[in-house]
């Protein structure tokens, strides 16, 4: 949402200069928004589900307003959008598979062990009528799916068969910048913000992506 306010002009020429300046500001803000949202500050990836409210005011003498450059406004706006997002405590989104595993009753414990280790979200379990085959459905992060089929078959001695279909994108509910400060926070979240033995998962993803793209890791 962009609201643009132009300071009152004293004559027709100044009014025209103010209009041109307003047009430059509007075009610069829109261009800065497009640049900022195409490459966000976390992983240099496109932003999703983000809204900004912008108020632009042109103040000063009419002559000063006429010197407004779209390029300058675009650069300032881009950095302002990126900084605003960081201060709003952004989150990552990750792709999710719909995972369906057909397994015998003897293989269930191994299947659930693999799913749990890979952050799967169990949705349902049902038995196929007239057999001892169970159908387990879960959402599995794409990041955690590499080698999944081979591990399932290995843990179940070939008694389980998985299938994966891209389902949706899901918000990762972990603050990549969260650092425990109080003793209570350290006891609950560990020194790295997620657990006593696990690093901050969101921060780990961000660092891995930035290294792969050759971007500085903080």
C-alpha atoms as a PDB file:
ATOM      1  CA  UNK A   1       0.000   0.000   0.000  1.00  0.00           C
ATOM      2  CA  UNK A   2       1.543   3.301  -1.077  1.00  0.00           C
ATOM      3  CA  UNK A   3       0.331   6.680   0.143  1.00  0.00           C
ATOM      4  CA  UNK A   4       1.974   9.717  -1.442  1.00  0.00           C
ATOM      5  CA  UNK A   5       1.688  13.252  -0.087  1.00  0.00           C
ATOM      6  CA  UNK A   6       3.055  16.308  -1.911  1.00  0.00           C
ATOM      7  CA  UNK A   7       3.758  19.567  -0.052  1.00  0.00           C
ATOM      8  CA  UNK A   8       1.501  22.479  -1.192  1.00  0.00           C
ATOM      9  CA  UNK A   9       2.924  24.551  -4.043  1.00  0.00           C
ATOM     10  CA  UNK A  10       2.835  28.338  -4.291  1.00  0.00           C
ATOM     11  CA  UNK A  11       2.374  28.660  -8.053  1.00  0.00           C
ATOM     12  CA  UNK A  12       1.697  26.675 -11.231  1.00  0.00           C
ATOM     13  CA  UNK A  13       5.377  25.965 -12.000  1.00  0.00           C
ATOM     14  CA  UNK A  14       6.005  24.704  -8.506  1.00  0.00           C
ATOM     15  CA  UNK A  15       2.878  22.586  -8.696  1.00  0.00           C
ATOM     16  CA  UNK A  16       4.134  21.001 -11.921  1.00  0.00           C
ATOM     17  CA  UNK A  17       7.537  20.331 -10.347  1.00  0.00           C
ATOM     18  CA  UNK A  18       5.818  18.728  -7.383  1.00  0.00           C
ATOM     19  CA  UNK A  19       3.829  16.447  -9.662  1.00  0.00           C
ATOM     20  CA  UNK A  20       6.970  15.336 -11.482  1.00  0.00           C
ATOM     21  CA  UNK A  21       8.706  14.685  -8.185  1.00  0.00           C
ATOM     22  CA  UNK A  22       5.717  12.683  -6.965  1.00  0.00           C
ATOM     23  CA  UNK A  23       5.788  10.574 -10.115  1.00  0.00           C
ATOM     24  CA  UNK A  24       9.521   9.927  -9.650  1.00  0.00           C
ATOM     25  CA  UNK A  25       8.985   8.905  -6.031  1.00  0.00           C
ATOM     26  CA  UNK A  26       6.101   6.616  -6.888  1.00  0.00           C
ATOM     27  CA  UNK A  27       8.023   4.924  -9.712  1.00  0.00           C
ATOM     28  CA  UNK A  28      11.133   4.609  -7.532  1.00  0.00           C
ATOM     29  CA  UNK A  29       9.243   3.063  -4.623  1.00  0.00           C
ATOM     30  CA  UNK A  30       7.512   0.556  -6.901  1.00  0.00           C
ATOM     31  CA  UNK A  31      10.820  -0.393  -8.551  1.00  0.00           C
ATOM     32  CA  UNK A  32      12.505  -0.685  -5.141  1.00  0.00           C
ATOM     33  CA  UNK A  33       9.660  -2.904  -3.939  1.00  0.00           C
ATOM     34  CA  UNK A  34      10.067  -5.193  -6.954  1.00  0.00           C
ATOM     35  CA  UNK A  35      13.828  -5.481  -6.423  1.00  0.00           C
ATOM     36  CA  UNK A  36      13.500  -6.093  -2.683  1.00  0.00           C
ATOM     37  CA  UNK A  37      10.793  -8.742  -2.973  1.00  0.00           C
ATOM     38  CA  UNK A  38      12.597 -10.569  -5.796  1.00  0.00           C
ATOM     39  CA  UNK A  39      15.590 -11.234  -3.520  1.00  0.00           C
ATOM     40  CA  UNK A  40      14.883 -11.121   0.203  1.00  0.00           C
ATOM     41  CA  UNK A  41      17.482 -10.521   2.931  1.00  0.00           C
ATOM     42  CA  UNK A  42      17.550 -14.081   4.316  1.00  0.00           C
ATOM     43  CA  UNK A  43      18.427 -16.320   1.365  1.00  0.00           C
ATOM     44  CA  UNK A  44      18.302 -13.894  -1.568  1.00  0.00           C
ATOM     45  CA  UNK A  45      15.081 -15.639  -2.635  1.00  0.00           C
ATOM     46  CA  UNK A  46      11.663 -14.279  -3.594  1.00  0.00           C
ATOM     47  CA  UNK A  47       9.518 -13.059  -0.699  1.00  0.00           C
ATOM     48  CA  UNK A  48       6.131 -14.678  -0.066  1.00  0.00           C
ATOM     49  CA  UNK A  49       3.152 -13.398   1.906  1.00  0.00           C
ATOM     50  CA  UNK A  50       4.710 -10.033   2.753  1.00  0.00           C
ATOM     51  CA  UNK A  51       2.945  -6.650   2.684  1.00  0.00           C
ATOM     52  CA  UNK A  52       4.409  -3.166   3.170  1.00  0.00           C
ATOM     53  CA  UNK A  53       2.690   0.112   3.935  1.00  0.00           C
ATOM     54  CA  UNK A  54       4.642   3.104   2.635  1.00  0.00           C
ATOM     55  CA  UNK A  55       4.145   6.780   3.341  1.00  0.00           C
ATOM     56  CA  UNK A  56       6.207   9.108   1.135  1.00  0.00           C
ATOM     57  CA  UNK A  57       6.265  12.859   1.788  1.00  0.00           C
ATOM     58  CA  UNK A  58       7.935  15.452  -0.413  1.00  0.00           C
ATOM     59  CA  UNK A  59       8.982  18.357   1.775  1.00  0.00           C
ATOM     60  CA  UNK A  60      11.039  21.482   1.188  1.00  0.00           C
ATOM     61  CA  UNK A  61      11.171  24.080  -1.550  1.00  0.00           C
ATOM     62  CA  UNK A  62       9.614  23.353  -4.938  1.00  0.00           C
ATOM     63  CA  UNK A  63      13.028  23.542  -6.575  1.00  0.00           C
ATOM     64  CA  UNK A  64      14.345  20.792  -4.331  1.00  0.00           C
ATOM     65  CA  UNK A  65      11.359  18.591  -5.073  1.00  0.00           C
ATOM     66  CA  UNK A  66      12.047  18.865  -8.821  1.00  0.00           C
ATOM     67  CA  UNK A  67      15.473  17.265  -8.304  1.00  0.00           C
ATOM     68  CA  UNK A  68      14.071  13.950  -7.024  1.00  0.00           C
ATOM     69  CA  UNK A  69      15.589  11.045  -8.978  1.00  0.00           C
ATOM     70  CA  UNK A  70      13.764   7.770  -9.510  1.00  0.00           C
ATOM     71  CA  UNK A  71      17.058   5.867  -9.300  1.00  0.00           C
ATOM     72  CA  UNK A  72      17.924   7.344  -5.924  1.00  0.00           C
ATOM     73  CA  UNK A  73      14.461   6.648  -4.560  1.00  0.00           C
ATOM     74  CA  UNK A  74      14.620   3.069  -5.894  1.00  0.00           C
ATOM     75  CA  UNK A  75      17.910   2.338  -4.078  1.00  0.00           C
ATOM     76  CA  UNK A  76      16.714   3.844  -0.807  1.00  0.00           C
ATOM     77  CA  UNK A  77      13.343   2.101  -1.035  1.00  0.00           C
ATOM     78  CA  UNK A  78      14.936  -1.279  -1.720  1.00  0.00           C
ATOM     79  CA  UNK A  79      17.120  -1.076   1.369  1.00  0.00           C
ATOM     80  CA  UNK A  80      14.223   0.252   3.450  1.00  0.00           C
ATOM     81  CA  UNK A  81      12.012  -2.691   2.448  1.00  0.00           C
ATOM     82  CA  UNK A  82      14.745  -5.215   3.231  1.00  0.00           C
ATOM     83  CA  UNK A  83      15.520  -3.636   6.602  1.00  0.00           C
ATOM     84  CA  UNK A  84      11.846  -3.459   7.506  1.00  0.00           C
ATOM     85  CA  UNK A  85      11.450  -7.165   6.775  1.00  0.00           C
ATOM     86  CA  UNK A  86      14.414  -8.098   8.964  1.00  0.00           C
ATOM     87  CA  UNK A  87      13.048  -6.016  11.850  1.00  0.00           C
ATOM     88  CA  UNK A  88       9.671  -7.755  11.456  1.00  0.00           C
ATOM     89  CA  UNK A  89      11.292 -11.126  12.385  1.00  0.00           C
ATOM     90  CA  UNK A  90      10.727 -12.966   9.075  1.00  0.00           C
ATOM     91  CA  UNK A  91      10.405 -16.740   8.668  1.00  0.00           C
ATOM     92  CA  UNK A  92      11.408 -19.173   5.967  1.00  0.00           C
ATOM     93  CA  UNK A  93       8.954 -21.266   3.983  1.00  0.00           C
ATOM     94  CA  UNK A  94       9.860 -24.759   2.839  1.00  0.00           C
ATOM     95  CA  UNK A  95       8.396 -27.099   0.229  1.00  0.00           C
ATOM     96  CA  UNK A  96       6.473 -30.111   1.552  1.00  0.00           C
ATOM     97  CA  UNK A  97       5.812 -33.512  -0.012  1.00  0.00           C
ATOM     98  CA  UNK A  98       2.698 -35.562   0.601  1.00  0.00           C
ATOM     99  CA  UNK A  99       4.293 -38.863   1.545  1.00  0.00           C
ATOM    100  CA  UNK A 100       2.382 -42.152   1.390  1.00  0.00           C
ATOM    101  CA  UNK A 101       4.018 -45.309   2.713  1.00  0.00           C
ATOM    102  CA  UNK A 102       2.569 -48.798   2.311  1.00  0.00           C
ATOM    103  CA  UNK A 103       4.064 -51.087   4.940  1.00  0.00           C
ATOM    104  CA  UNK A 104       3.391 -54.379   6.655  1.00  0.00           C
ATOM    105  CA  UNK A 105       2.678 -54.436  10.383  1.00  0.00           C
ATOM    106  CA  UNK A 106       6.189 -55.730  11.094  1.00  0.00           C
ATOM    107  CA  UNK A 107       7.745 -52.744   9.323  1.00  0.00           C
ATOM    108  CA  UNK A 108       5.715 -50.015  11.066  1.00  0.00           C
ATOM    109  CA  UNK A 109       8.236 -49.262  13.821  1.00  0.00           C
ATOM    110  CA  UNK A 110      11.043 -48.762  11.308  1.00  0.00           C
ATOM    111  CA  UNK A 111       8.852 -46.564   9.091  1.00  0.00           C
ATOM    112  CA  UNK A 112       7.834 -44.320  11.980  1.00  0.00           C
ATOM    113  CA  UNK A 113      11.455 -44.050  13.142  1.00  0.00           C
ATOM    114  CA  UNK A 114      12.541 -42.790   9.714  1.00  0.00           C
ATOM    115  CA  UNK A 115       9.608 -40.374   9.425  1.00  0.00           C
ATOM    116  CA  UNK A 116      10.243 -38.956  12.886  1.00  0.00           C
ATOM    117  CA  UNK A 117      13.932 -38.437  12.212  1.00  0.00           C
ATOM    118  CA  UNK A 118      13.104 -36.507   9.018  1.00  0.00           C
ATOM    119  CA  UNK A 119      10.603 -34.074  10.606  1.00  0.00           C
ATOM    120  CA  UNK A 120       7.565 -35.682   8.972  1.00  0.00           C
ATOM    121  CA  UNK A 121       4.063 -34.672  10.116  1.00  0.00           C
ATOM    122  CA  UNK A 122       1.898 -37.783  10.375  1.00  0.00           C
ATOM    123  CA  UNK A 123      -1.578 -37.178   8.964  1.00  0.00           C
ATOM    124  CA  UNK A 124      -3.242 -40.586   9.000  1.00  0.00           C
ATOM    125  CA  UNK A 125      -2.771 -44.322   9.295  1.00  0.00           C
ATOM    126  CA  UNK A 126      -5.195 -46.912   7.982  1.00  0.00           C
ATOM    127  CA  UNK A 127      -5.130 -50.593   7.180  1.00  0.00           C
ATOM    128  CA  UNK A 128      -5.871 -51.775   3.673  1.00  0.00           C
ATOM    129  CA  UNK A 129      -9.009 -53.887   3.740  1.00  0.00           C
ATOM    130  CA  UNK A 130      -8.405 -57.602   3.450  1.00  0.00           C
ATOM    131  CA  UNK A 131      -4.661 -57.407   4.140  1.00  0.00           C
ATOM    132  CA  UNK A 132      -2.126 -56.619   6.840  1.00  0.00           C
ATOM    133  CA  UNK A 133      -0.765 -53.646   4.869  1.00  0.00           C
ATOM    134  CA  UNK A 134      -0.908 -50.240   6.547  1.00  0.00           C
ATOM    135  CA  UNK A 135      -1.083 -46.961   4.613  1.00  0.00           C
ATOM    136  CA  UNK A 136       0.646 -44.069   6.374  1.00  0.00           C
ATOM    137  CA  UNK A 137       0.226 -40.529   5.065  1.00  0.00           C
ATOM    138  CA  UNK A 138       2.438 -37.676   6.191  1.00  0.00           C
ATOM    139  CA  UNK A 139       3.824 -34.339   5.091  1.00  0.00           C
ATOM    140  CA  UNK A 140       7.582 -34.550   4.574  1.00  0.00           C
ATOM    141  CA  UNK A 141       9.879 -31.528   4.049  1.00  0.00           C
ATOM    142  CA  UNK A 142      11.567 -31.692   0.658  1.00  0.00           C
ATOM    143  CA  UNK A 143      14.857 -30.769   2.361  1.00  0.00           C
ATOM    144  CA  UNK A 144      14.597 -33.944   4.459  1.00  0.00           C
ATOM    145  CA  UNK A 145      13.612 -36.250   1.594  1.00  0.00           C
ATOM    146  CA  UNK A 146      17.018 -36.976   0.088  1.00  0.00           C
ATOM    147  CA  UNK A 147      17.762 -40.672   0.504  1.00  0.00           C
ATOM    148  CA  UNK A 148      14.353 -41.187   2.110  1.00  0.00           C
ATOM    149  CA  UNK A 149      13.126 -44.040  -0.103  1.00  0.00           C
ATOM    150  CA  UNK A 150      16.372 -45.984   0.252  1.00  0.00           C
ATOM    151  CA  UNK A 151      16.369 -45.606   4.042  1.00  0.00           C
ATOM    152  CA  UNK A 152      12.711 -46.679   4.326  1.00  0.00           C
ATOM    153  CA  UNK A 153      13.376 -49.844   2.334  1.00  0.00           C
ATOM    154  CA  UNK A 154      16.539 -50.562   4.308  1.00  0.00           C
ATOM    155  CA  UNK A 155      14.896 -50.106   7.718  1.00  0.00           C
ATOM    156  CA  UNK A 156      11.876 -52.205   6.715  1.00  0.00           C
ATOM    157  CA  UNK A 157      13.888 -54.908   4.899  1.00  0.00           C
ATOM    158  CA  UNK A 158      11.946 -54.118   1.749  1.00  0.00           C
ATOM    159  CA  UNK A 159       8.525 -54.408   3.424  1.00  0.00           C
ATOM    160  CA  UNK A 160       7.641 -50.719   2.909  1.00  0.00           C
ATOM    161  CA  UNK A 161       7.182 -48.745  -0.299  1.00  0.00           C
ATOM    162  CA  UNK A 162       6.998 -44.918  -0.218  1.00  0.00           C
ATOM    163  CA  UNK A 163       5.673 -42.423  -2.759  1.00  0.00           C
ATOM    164  CA  UNK A 164       6.174 -38.643  -2.761  1.00  0.00           C
ATOM    165  CA  UNK A 165       4.055 -35.908  -4.374  1.00  0.00           C
ATOM    166  CA  UNK A 166       4.752 -32.180  -4.042  1.00  0.00           C
ATOM    167  CA  UNK A 167       1.966 -30.826  -1.831  1.00  0.00           C
ATOM    168  CA  UNK A 168       2.485 -27.247  -0.635  1.00  0.00           C
ATOM    169  CA  UNK A 169       4.791 -24.680   0.927  1.00  0.00           C
ATOM    170  CA  UNK A 170       4.786 -24.317   4.690  1.00  0.00           C
ATOM    171  CA  UNK A 171       6.081 -21.657   7.071  1.00  0.00           C
ATOM    172  CA  UNK A 172       8.984 -22.836   9.209  1.00  0.00           C
ATOM    173  CA  UNK A 173       8.029 -21.638  12.724  1.00  0.00           C
ATOM    174  CA  UNK A 174      11.573 -20.923  13.873  1.00  0.00           C
ATOM    175  CA  UNK A 175      13.104 -17.473  14.257  1.00  0.00           C
ATOM    176  CA  UNK A 176      16.504 -17.622  12.504  1.00  0.00           C
ATOM    177  CA  UNK A 177      17.759 -14.687  14.589  1.00  0.00           C
ATOM    178  CA  UNK A 178      16.520 -15.865  17.977  1.00  0.00           C
ATOM    179  CA  UNK A 179      19.247 -16.105  20.620  1.00  0.00           C
ATOM    180  CA  UNK A 180      18.319 -17.174  24.181  1.00  0.00           C
ATOM    181  CA  UNK A 181      19.159 -14.450  26.686  1.00  0.00           C
ATOM    182  CA  UNK A 182      17.521 -15.307  29.990  1.00  0.00           C
ATOM    183  CA  UNK A 183      18.181 -18.431  32.029  1.00  0.00           C
ATOM    184  CA  UNK A 184      14.595 -19.579  31.405  1.00  0.00           C
ATOM    185  CA  UNK A 185      15.052 -19.267  27.634  1.00  0.00           C
ATOM    186  CA  UNK A 186      18.304 -21.231  27.768  1.00  0.00           C
ATOM    187  CA  UNK A 187      16.626 -23.988  29.743  1.00  0.00           C
ATOM    188  CA  UNK A 188      13.724 -24.183  27.278  1.00  0.00           C
ATOM    189  CA  UNK A 189      15.474 -23.615  23.951  1.00  0.00           C
ATOM    190  CA  UNK A 190      19.127 -24.438  24.583  1.00  0.00           C
ATOM    191  CA  UNK A 191      22.107 -22.230  23.813  1.00  0.00           C
ATOM    192  CA  UNK A 192      21.369 -22.075  20.067  1.00  0.00           C
ATOM    193  CA  UNK A 193      17.661 -21.358  20.250  1.00  0.00           C
ATOM    194  CA  UNK A 194      16.068 -24.649  19.282  1.00  0.00           C
ATOM    195  CA  UNK A 195      17.117 -27.399  21.659  1.00  0.00           C
ATOM    196  CA  UNK A 196      19.933 -28.788  23.716  1.00  0.00           C
ATOM    197  CA  UNK A 197      21.409 -30.896  20.909  1.00  0.00           C
ATOM    198  CA  UNK A 198      20.031 -29.263  17.746  1.00  0.00           C
ATOM    199  CA  UNK A 199      21.250 -26.043  16.101  1.00  0.00           C
ATOM    200  CA  UNK A 200      18.772 -23.398  14.984  1.00  0.00           C
ATOM    201  CA  UNK A 201      17.292 -25.163  11.943  1.00  0.00           C
ATOM    202  CA  UNK A 202      16.197 -21.993  10.142  1.00  0.00           C
ATOM    203  CA  UNK A 203      19.619 -20.438  10.600  1.00  0.00           C
ATOM    204  CA  UNK A 204      21.242 -23.629   9.323  1.00  0.00           C
ATOM    205  CA  UNK A 205      19.117 -23.527   6.160  1.00  0.00           C
ATOM    206  CA  UNK A 206      19.912 -19.853   5.581  1.00  0.00           C
ATOM    207  CA  UNK A 207      23.659 -20.373   6.002  1.00  0.00           C
ATOM    208  CA  UNK A 208      23.651 -23.385   3.650  1.00  0.00           C
ATOM    209  CA  UNK A 209      21.789 -21.485   0.924  1.00  0.00           C
ATOM    210  CA  UNK A 210      23.999 -18.416   1.264  1.00  0.00           C
ATOM    211  CA  UNK A 211      27.168 -20.521   1.042  1.00  0.00           C
ATOM    212  CA  UNK A 212      25.855 -22.283  -2.060  1.00  0.00           C
ATOM    213  CA  UNK A 213      25.114 -18.918  -3.702  1.00  0.00           C
ATOM    214  CA  UNK A 214      28.435 -17.389  -2.683  1.00  0.00           C
ATOM    215  CA  UNK A 215      26.793 -14.841  -0.362  1.00  0.00           C
ATOM    216  CA  UNK A 216      28.463 -13.744   2.859  1.00  0.00           C
ATOM    217  CA  UNK A 217      27.385 -15.782   5.883  1.00  0.00           C
ATOM    218  CA  UNK A 218      26.955 -13.728   9.046  1.00  0.00           C
END
